[in-house]
Protein backbone atom coordinates (compact mmCIF):
# COMPACT_ATOMS: atom_id res chain seq x y z
CA MET A 1 55.21 -17.55 -28.16
CA ASN A 2 53.70 -14.13 -28.66
CA LYS A 3 50.79 -12.72 -26.73
CA LEU A 4 47.97 -11.41 -28.91
CA VAL A 5 47.45 -7.72 -28.24
CA TYR A 6 44.70 -6.79 -30.70
CA SER A 7 42.29 -8.68 -32.93
CA THR A 8 39.80 -7.48 -35.54
CA ASP A 9 37.79 -10.71 -35.25
CA PRO A 10 34.53 -9.84 -33.38
CA ASP A 11 34.07 -13.48 -32.22
CA TRP A 12 37.56 -13.88 -30.77
CA GLN A 13 37.84 -14.62 -27.04
CA ASP A 14 40.94 -15.12 -24.95
CA SER A 15 40.86 -18.75 -23.77
CA GLN A 16 42.92 -18.02 -20.65
CA ALA A 17 40.80 -15.06 -19.55
CA SER A 18 37.50 -16.86 -20.00
CA ALA A 19 38.46 -19.98 -18.02
CA PRO A 20 36.82 -19.71 -14.58
CA GLY A 21 38.89 -20.40 -11.49
CA GLN A 22 42.24 -20.34 -13.24
CA ASP A 23 43.50 -17.31 -11.30
CA SER A 24 42.98 -19.03 -7.94
CA LEU A 25 45.95 -20.52 -6.15
CA PHE A 26 43.91 -23.42 -4.73
CA PRO A 27 40.95 -25.43 -6.08
CA ASP A 28 37.40 -24.45 -5.21
CA ASP A 29 36.42 -27.65 -3.37
CA GLY A 30 34.74 -26.33 -0.22
CA VAL A 31 37.86 -26.56 1.95
CA VAL A 32 39.16 -23.37 3.55
CA ARG A 33 42.95 -23.27 3.39
CA LEU A 34 45.22 -21.41 5.80
CA ARG A 35 48.70 -20.32 4.85
CA ARG A 36 51.33 -18.22 6.67
CA GLU A 37 52.99 -15.74 4.32
CA THR A 38 55.77 -13.19 4.74
CA LYS A 39 56.79 -12.55 1.14
CA GLY A 40 56.47 -8.90 0.10
CA ARG A 41 55.66 -7.77 3.64
CA LYS A 42 59.15 -6.92 4.91
CA GLY A 43 59.25 -10.01 7.13
CA ALA A 44 55.93 -9.37 8.87
CA GLY A 45 53.81 -12.52 8.93
CA VAL A 46 50.16 -12.70 7.95
CA ILE A 47 47.71 -15.58 7.81
CA CYS A 48 46.04 -15.87 4.41
CA ILE A 49 42.69 -17.62 4.23
CA TYR A 50 41.78 -19.06 0.81
CA GLY A 51 38.57 -20.75 -0.33
CA VAL A 52 35.95 -18.84 1.65
CA PRO A 53 32.68 -18.57 -0.33
CA GLY A 54 32.34 -15.15 -2.00
CA GLN A 55 29.28 -13.96 -0.10
CA ASP A 56 30.84 -14.80 3.30
CA VAL A 57 34.28 -13.21 2.86
CA GLY A 58 33.49 -9.76 4.28
CA ALA A 59 31.50 -10.99 7.28
CA LEU A 60 34.05 -13.67 8.16
CA ALA A 61 36.98 -11.24 7.90
CA LYS A 62 35.23 -8.75 10.16
CA GLN A 63 34.39 -11.45 12.70
CA LEU A 64 37.95 -12.83 12.78
CA LYS A 65 39.53 -9.39 13.16
CA LYS A 66 37.17 -8.55 16.00
CA GLN A 67 37.67 -11.84 17.88
CA LEU A 68 41.45 -11.78 17.48
CA GLY A 69 41.84 -8.06 18.14
CA THR A 70 44.07 -7.59 15.14
CA GLY A 71 44.07 -5.95 11.73
CA GLY A 72 43.57 -7.50 8.37
CA ALA A 73 42.42 -7.03 4.81
CA ILE A 74 40.62 -8.67 1.93
CA LYS A 75 42.60 -8.80 -1.31
CA LYS A 76 41.19 -10.56 -4.39
CA GLY A 77 38.89 -12.72 -2.28
CA VAL A 78 41.67 -13.78 0.10
CA ILE A 79 41.40 -12.80 3.76
CA GLU A 80 44.67 -11.63 5.34
CA ILE A 81 44.93 -11.54 9.14
CA GLN A 82 47.93 -9.74 10.59
CA GLY A 83 50.25 -11.59 12.94
CA ASP A 84 51.31 -15.19 13.38
CA ARG A 85 48.03 -16.54 14.80
CA LEU A 86 47.57 -19.67 12.73
CA ALA A 87 46.32 -21.91 15.55
CA GLN A 88 43.84 -19.30 16.79
CA VAL A 89 42.46 -18.63 13.30
CA GLN A 90 42.14 -22.35 12.63
CA ALA A 91 40.25 -22.90 15.90
CA LEU A 92 37.83 -20.06 15.14
CA LEU A 93 37.14 -21.34 11.63
CA VAL A 94 36.50 -24.89 12.86
CA LYS A 95 34.18 -23.49 15.52
CA ALA A 96 32.32 -21.62 12.76
CA GLY A 97 31.66 -24.96 11.05
CA LEU A 98 34.13 -24.72 8.16
CA LYS A 99 36.38 -27.53 6.94
CA VAL A 100 39.93 -26.21 7.39
CA LYS A 101 43.26 -27.39 5.99
CA GLN A 102 46.70 -25.90 6.72
CA VAL A 103 48.90 -25.61 3.64
CA GLY A 104 52.51 -24.60 3.14
CA GLY A 105 55.50 -25.10 5.39
């Protein structure tokens, strides 16, 4: 199957690009998901937080980094907290009133 590179049709739209939520790893159902990841980080573990509402991502990331005393980042709407602090992150999110689910191994 070939990928269309150029079209002269002015009404043409890419069906995969216009579908909302298809680039997300997890469904948008109001549950915040925690996952420990090491892939692509030279063995260093980070806790990735998926499913946080868009307007709250920056404030929540800043609050978590401050309370845990660790670094982190926001990449494509996913909060990454450095270190293997899954239990601590989960406790802080539950205390903040979010529904939390741990995913992955």
